[in-house]
Amino acid sequence: MIDPNKPVYLKLRDSIAASILDGRYGDGDMLPSVRALAADEGANPLTVAKAYQTFQDDGLVMVKRGVGMFVADGASRKLRDMMRADFLDNVWPPVAAHMRRIGIEIEDLAALDA
């Protein structure tokens, strides 16, 4: 679910993260330039730069001056681990509580996948 109150740079970060996790950008692949991504997303280049900076801060991308920005080695694994931990710590507890409240069991969910 998309949070309409989420800052644009975090929405961009989520989109880029999904592209990495889905394999659109693999470890070592070059990411679109700030200007190119801003044009594609209809966003301000400074907003895109802020989203990219969060990936740099987390060690998920590396910058080669004059060349571009690249997905760091091991970034997809590290990103998956970070997102998994966030899900288990922050997303799952209220979902599990809601499931208990309305009587949904894990088996009910498993049956949906079958």
N, C-alpha and C. Protein backbone atom coordinates (compact mmCIF):
# COMPACT_ATOMS: atom_id res chain seq x y z
N MET A 1 0.83 -1.17 0.00
CA MET A 1 0.00 0.00 0.00
C MET A 1 0.88 1.25 0.00
N ILE A 2 0.56 2.20 -0.83
CA ILE A 2 1.33 3.42 -0.94
C ILE A 2 0.81 4.43 0.06
N ASP A 3 1.72 4.98 0.84
CA ASP A 3 1.37 5.98 1.84
C ASP A 3 1.42 7.35 1.19
N PRO A 4 0.27 8.03 1.04
CA PRO A 4 0.26 9.33 0.38
C PRO A 4 1.01 10.41 1.17
N ASN A 5 1.25 10.16 2.45
CA ASN A 5 1.97 11.13 3.28
C ASN A 5 3.48 10.92 3.29
N LYS A 6 3.93 9.85 2.65
CA LYS A 6 5.35 9.53 2.62
C LYS A 6 6.08 10.55 1.74
N PRO A 7 7.22 11.07 2.19
CA PRO A 7 7.98 12.02 1.37
C PRO A 7 8.36 11.41 0.01
N VAL A 8 8.44 12.27 -1.00
CA VAL A 8 8.71 11.82 -2.35
C VAL A 8 10.05 11.08 -2.44
N TYR A 9 11.07 11.56 -1.74
CA TYR A 9 12.37 10.90 -1.83
C TYR A 9 12.30 9.48 -1.29
N LEU A 10 11.45 9.23 -0.28
CA LEU A 10 11.30 7.87 0.23
C LEU A 10 10.49 7.00 -0.73
N LYS A 11 9.53 7.58 -1.43
CA LYS A 11 8.80 6.84 -2.46
C LYS A 11 9.76 6.44 -3.58
N LEU A 12 10.64 7.37 -3.97
CA LEU A 12 11.64 7.06 -4.99
C LEU A 12 12.58 5.96 -4.49
N ARG A 13 12.99 6.06 -3.23
CA ARG A 13 13.87 5.04 -2.66
C ARG A 13 13.19 3.67 -2.72
N ASP A 14 11.91 3.63 -2.36
CA ASP A 14 11.17 2.36 -2.41
C ASP A 14 11.13 1.80 -3.83
N SER A 15 10.94 2.67 -4.80
CA SER A 15 10.88 2.25 -6.20
C SER A 15 12.24 1.71 -6.67
N ILE A 16 13.30 2.40 -6.31
CA ILE A 16 14.65 1.95 -6.68
C ILE A 16 14.96 0.63 -5.97
N ALA A 17 14.62 0.55 -4.69
CA ALA A 17 14.85 -0.69 -3.92
C ALA A 17 14.12 -1.86 -4.56
N ALA A 18 12.87 -1.64 -4.97
CA ALA A 18 12.10 -2.70 -5.63
C ALA A 18 12.79 -3.13 -6.92
N SER A 19 13.33 -2.18 -7.66
CA SER A 19 14.03 -2.51 -8.91
C SER A 19 15.27 -3.35 -8.65
N ILE A 20 15.97 -3.07 -7.56
CA ILE A 20 17.14 -3.86 -7.19
C ILE A 20 16.71 -5.25 -6.76
N LEU A 21 15.71 -5.33 -5.89
CA LEU A 21 15.26 -6.63 -5.39
C LEU A 21 14.63 -7.49 -6.50
N ASP A 22 13.99 -6.84 -7.47
CA ASP A 22 13.36 -7.58 -8.57
C ASP A 22 14.37 -7.97 -9.65
N GLY A 23 15.63 -7.52 -9.51
CA GLY A 23 16.66 -7.88 -10.46
C GLY A 23 16.79 -6.97 -11.66
N ARG A 24 16.05 -5.89 -11.69
CA ARG A 24 16.18 -4.94 -12.80
C ARG A 24 17.58 -4.33 -12.79
N TYR A 25 18.09 -4.06 -11.58
CA TYR A 25 19.47 -3.60 -11.41
C TYR A 25 20.16 -4.60 -10.50
N GLY A 26 21.18 -5.25 -11.02
CA GLY A 26 21.93 -6.21 -10.23
C GLY A 26 23.16 -5.59 -9.62
N ASP A 27 23.81 -6.33 -8.75
CA ASP A 27 25.05 -5.86 -8.15
C ASP A 27 26.03 -5.49 -9.27
N GLY A 28 26.59 -4.29 -9.17
CA GLY A 28 27.54 -3.81 -10.16
C GLY A 28 26.92 -3.04 -11.31
N ASP A 29 25.60 -3.08 -11.45
CA ASP A 29 24.93 -2.38 -12.55
C ASP A 29 24.90 -0.88 -12.29
N MET A 30 24.96 -0.14 -13.37
CA MET A 30 24.87 1.32 -13.30
C MET A 30 23.41 1.72 -13.14
N LEU A 31 23.16 2.65 -12.22
CA LEU A 31 21.82 3.20 -12.03
C LEU A 31 21.63 4.40 -12.95
N PRO A 32 20.38 4.75 -13.24
CA PRO A 32 20.14 5.94 -14.06
C PRO A 32 20.73 7.18 -13.37
N SER A 33 21.15 8.14 -14.16
CA SER A 33 21.66 9.39 -13.58
C SER A 33 20.54 10.09 -12.83
N VAL A 34 20.92 11.00 -11.97
CA VAL A 34 19.94 11.78 -11.21
C VAL A 34 18.99 12.47 -12.18
N ARG A 35 19.54 13.10 -13.20
CA ARG A 35 18.70 13.83 -14.16
C ARG A 35 17.77 12.89 -14.93
N ALA A 36 18.29 11.75 -15.35
CA ALA A 36 17.48 10.80 -16.12
C ALA A 36 16.32 10.26 -15.26
N LEU A 37 16.63 9.88 -14.03
CA LEU A 37 15.58 9.35 -13.16
C LEU A 37 14.57 10.44 -12.81
N ALA A 38 15.05 11.65 -12.60
CA ALA A 38 14.14 12.76 -12.31
C ALA A 38 13.18 12.98 -13.47
N ALA A 39 13.70 12.93 -14.68
CA ALA A 39 12.85 13.11 -15.87
C ALA A 39 11.85 11.96 -15.99
N ASP A 40 12.31 10.73 -15.77
CA ASP A 40 11.42 9.56 -15.87
C ASP A 40 10.31 9.60 -14.83
N GLU A 41 10.64 10.05 -13.62
CA GLU A 41 9.70 10.02 -12.51
C GLU A 41 8.93 11.33 -12.34
N GLY A 42 9.30 12.36 -13.12
CA GLY A 42 8.66 13.66 -12.97
C GLY A 42 8.97 14.29 -11.62
N ALA A 43 10.19 14.06 -11.15
CA ALA A 43 10.60 14.55 -9.83
C ALA A 43 11.69 15.59 -9.97
N ASN A 44 11.89 16.33 -8.92
CA ASN A 44 12.97 17.31 -8.85
C ASN A 44 14.30 16.56 -8.73
N PRO A 45 15.33 16.95 -9.49
CA PRO A 45 16.62 16.28 -9.38
C PRO A 45 17.19 16.27 -7.96
N LEU A 46 16.93 17.30 -7.17
CA LEU A 46 17.42 17.33 -5.79
C LEU A 46 16.74 16.25 -4.95
N THR A 47 15.49 15.95 -5.27
CA THR A 47 14.75 14.90 -4.56
C THR A 47 15.33 13.54 -4.91
N VAL A 48 15.65 13.34 -6.18
CA VAL A 48 16.27 12.08 -6.62
C VAL A 48 17.65 11.94 -5.96
N ALA A 49 18.40 13.03 -5.93
CA ALA A 49 19.73 12.99 -5.31
C ALA A 49 19.62 12.61 -3.84
N LYS A 50 18.59 13.10 -3.16
CA LYS A 50 18.39 12.75 -1.75
C LYS A 50 18.08 11.26 -1.59
N ALA A 51 17.26 10.72 -2.50
CA ALA A 51 16.96 9.28 -2.46
C ALA A 51 18.23 8.47 -2.67
N TYR A 52 19.03 8.86 -3.68
CA TYR A 52 20.28 8.16 -3.94
C TYR A 52 21.24 8.27 -2.76
N GLN A 53 21.24 9.43 -2.10
CA GLN A 53 22.13 9.64 -0.95
C GLN A 53 21.82 8.64 0.17
N THR A 54 20.55 8.31 0.35
CA THR A 54 20.19 7.34 1.40
C THR A 54 20.79 5.97 1.08
N PHE A 55 20.86 5.63 -0.21
CA PHE A 55 21.48 4.36 -0.60
C PHE A 55 22.98 4.40 -0.36
N GLN A 56 23.59 5.56 -0.65
CA GLN A 56 25.02 5.70 -0.38
C GLN A 56 25.29 5.57 1.11
N ASP A 57 24.47 6.23 1.92
CA ASP A 57 24.64 6.19 3.38
C ASP A 57 24.55 4.76 3.91
N ASP A 58 23.73 3.93 3.26
CA ASP A 58 23.55 2.54 3.68
C ASP A 58 24.55 1.59 3.01
N GLY A 59 25.44 2.13 2.17
CA GLY A 59 26.43 1.30 1.50
C GLY A 59 25.86 0.42 0.41
N LEU A 60 24.72 0.81 -0.14
CA LEU A 60 24.06 0.00 -1.17
C LEU A 60 24.44 0.42 -2.59
N VAL A 61 24.97 1.62 -2.74
CA VAL A 61 25.45 2.07 -4.04
C VAL A 61 26.82 2.70 -3.86
N MET A 62 27.56 2.76 -4.95
CA MET A 62 28.86 3.42 -4.92
C MET A 62 28.92 4.38 -6.10
N VAL A 63 29.60 5.47 -5.89
CA VAL A 63 29.72 6.50 -6.91
C VAL A 63 31.12 6.43 -7.51
N LYS A 64 31.16 6.43 -8.82
CA LYS A 64 32.43 6.55 -9.54
C LYS A 64 32.40 7.94 -10.17
N ARG A 65 33.17 8.84 -9.59
CA ARG A 65 33.16 10.23 -10.03
C ARG A 65 33.36 10.33 -11.54
N GLY A 66 32.49 11.08 -12.17
CA GLY A 66 32.58 11.30 -13.60
C GLY A 66 32.02 10.16 -14.43
N VAL A 67 31.62 9.07 -13.78
CA VAL A 67 31.09 7.91 -14.50
C VAL A 67 29.63 7.71 -14.17
N GLY A 68 29.33 7.55 -12.87
CA GLY A 68 27.94 7.34 -12.47
C GLY A 68 27.84 6.62 -11.15
N MET A 69 26.63 6.20 -10.87
CA MET A 69 26.33 5.50 -9.62
C MET A 69 26.02 4.04 -9.94
N PHE A 70 26.57 3.14 -9.12
CA PHE A 70 26.46 1.71 -9.36
C PHE A 70 25.94 1.00 -8.12
N VAL A 71 25.18 -0.07 -8.35
CA VAL A 71 24.73 -0.91 -7.25
C VAL A 71 25.96 -1.61 -6.68
N ALA A 72 26.15 -1.49 -5.37
CA ALA A 72 27.31 -2.08 -4.71
C ALA A 72 27.21 -3.60 -4.70
N ASP A 73 28.37 -4.25 -4.66
CA ASP A 73 28.39 -5.71 -4.53
C ASP A 73 27.71 -6.10 -3.22
N GLY A 74 26.81 -7.07 -3.30
CA GLY A 74 26.09 -7.54 -2.13
C GLY A 74 24.91 -6.67 -1.73
N ALA A 75 24.63 -5.63 -2.53
CA ALA A 75 23.56 -4.69 -2.18
C ALA A 75 22.19 -5.37 -2.14
N SER A 76 21.91 -6.24 -3.08
CA SER A 76 20.58 -6.86 -3.11
C SER A 76 20.37 -7.72 -1.86
N ARG A 77 21.40 -8.44 -1.45
CA ARG A 77 21.30 -9.26 -0.23
C ARG A 77 21.14 -8.37 0.99
N LYS A 78 21.96 -7.32 1.09
CA LYS A 78 21.90 -6.41 2.23
C LYS A 78 20.54 -5.70 2.28
N LEU A 79 20.06 -5.26 1.13
CA LEU A 79 18.77 -4.58 1.06
C LEU A 79 17.64 -5.52 1.48
N ARG A 80 17.69 -6.76 0.98
CA ARG A 80 16.68 -7.76 1.36
C ARG A 80 16.71 -8.01 2.86
N ASP A 81 17.90 -8.12 3.43
CA ASP A 81 18.03 -8.34 4.88
C ASP A 81 17.47 -7.15 5.67
N MET A 82 17.76 -5.93 5.21
CA MET A 82 17.26 -4.73 5.89
C MET A 82 15.74 -4.66 5.83
N MET A 83 15.19 -4.94 4.64
CA MET A 83 13.74 -4.86 4.47
C MET A 83 13.03 -5.98 5.22
N ARG A 84 13.66 -7.15 5.27
CA ARG A 84 13.08 -8.28 6.01
C ARG A 84 13.01 -7.94 7.50
N ALA A 85 14.11 -7.38 8.03
CA ALA A 85 14.14 -6.99 9.44
C ALA A 85 13.08 -5.92 9.72
N ASP A 86 12.96 -4.94 8.83
CA ASP A 86 11.95 -3.90 9.02
C ASP A 86 10.55 -4.50 9.00
N PHE A 87 10.31 -5.43 8.08
CA PHE A 87 8.99 -6.07 8.01
C PHE A 87 8.67 -6.80 9.31
N LEU A 88 9.62 -7.61 9.77
CA LEU A 88 9.37 -8.40 10.97
C LEU A 88 9.25 -7.53 12.23
N ASP A 89 9.98 -6.43 12.28
CA ASP A 89 9.95 -5.56 13.45
C ASP A 89 8.80 -4.56 13.44
N ASN A 90 8.42 -4.07 12.26
CA ASN A 90 7.48 -2.95 12.19
C ASN A 90 6.16 -3.24 11.48
N VAL A 91 6.21 -4.04 10.44
CA VAL A 91 5.00 -4.29 9.65
C VAL A 91 4.21 -5.48 10.20
N TRP A 92 4.91 -6.57 10.46
CA TRP A 92 4.23 -7.80 10.86
C TRP A 92 3.47 -7.70 12.18
N PRO A 93 4.02 -7.11 13.25
CA PRO A 93 3.29 -7.11 14.52
C PRO A 93 1.86 -6.56 14.43
N PRO A 94 1.62 -5.40 13.80
CA PRO A 94 0.22 -4.97 13.71
C PRO A 94 -0.63 -5.84 12.79
N VAL A 95 -0.03 -6.43 11.75
CA VAL A 95 -0.77 -7.34 10.88
C VAL A 95 -1.16 -8.58 11.67
N ALA A 96 -0.23 -9.14 12.42
CA ALA A 96 -0.52 -10.33 13.22
C ALA A 96 -1.60 -10.03 14.26
N ALA A 97 -1.53 -8.86 14.88
CA ALA A 97 -2.55 -8.49 15.87
C ALA A 97 -3.93 -8.37 15.20
N HIS A 98 -3.95 -7.79 14.02
CA HIS A 98 -5.22 -7.64 13.30
C HIS A 98 -5.77 -9.02 12.90
N MET A 99 -4.89 -9.90 12.47
CA MET A 99 -5.31 -11.26 12.11
C MET A 99 -5.94 -11.96 13.31
N ARG A 100 -5.30 -11.84 14.48
CA ARG A 100 -5.85 -12.46 15.69
C ARG A 100 -7.23 -11.88 16.01
N ARG A 101 -7.35 -10.57 15.86
CA ARG A 101 -8.61 -9.89 16.16
C ARG A 101 -9.76 -10.39 15.30
N ILE A 102 -9.47 -10.68 14.03
CA ILE A 102 -10.56 -11.07 13.12
C ILE A 102 -10.57 -12.57 12.82
N GLY A 103 -9.71 -13.32 13.50
CA GLY A 103 -9.76 -14.77 13.41
C GLY A 103 -9.13 -15.39 12.18
N ILE A 104 -8.13 -14.75 11.61
CA ILE A 104 -7.41 -15.34 10.47
C ILE A 104 -6.21 -16.10 11.02
N GLU A 105 -6.06 -17.34 10.57
CA GLU A 105 -4.94 -18.19 10.97
C GLU A 105 -3.91 -18.23 9.83
N ILE A 106 -2.69 -18.56 10.18
CA ILE A 106 -1.62 -18.68 9.16
C ILE A 106 -2.03 -19.69 8.09
N GLU A 107 -2.71 -20.74 8.48
CA GLU A 107 -3.15 -21.76 7.52
C GLU A 107 -4.10 -21.16 6.47
N ASP A 108 -4.92 -20.19 6.89
CA ASP A 108 -5.81 -19.51 5.94
C ASP A 108 -5.01 -18.81 4.86
N LEU A 109 -3.91 -18.19 5.26
CA LEU A 109 -3.06 -17.49 4.30
C LEU A 109 -2.35 -18.49 3.37
N ALA A 110 -1.88 -19.58 3.96
CA ALA A 110 -1.20 -20.60 3.16
C ALA A 110 -2.14 -21.18 2.12
N ALA A 111 -3.41 -21.34 2.47
CA ALA A 111 -4.40 -21.89 1.55
C ALA A 111 -4.63 -20.96 0.36
N LEU A 112 -4.44 -19.65 0.56
CA LEU A 112 -4.62 -18.69 -0.53
C LEU A 112 -3.54 -18.86 -1.59
N ASP A 113 -2.38 -19.31 -1.18
CA ASP A 113 -1.23 -19.47 -2.08
C ASP A 113 -1.30 -20.77 -2.86
N ALA A 114 -2.12 -21.70 -2.42
CA ALA A 114 -2.18 -23.03 -3.04
C ALA A 114 -2.94 -23.05 -4.33
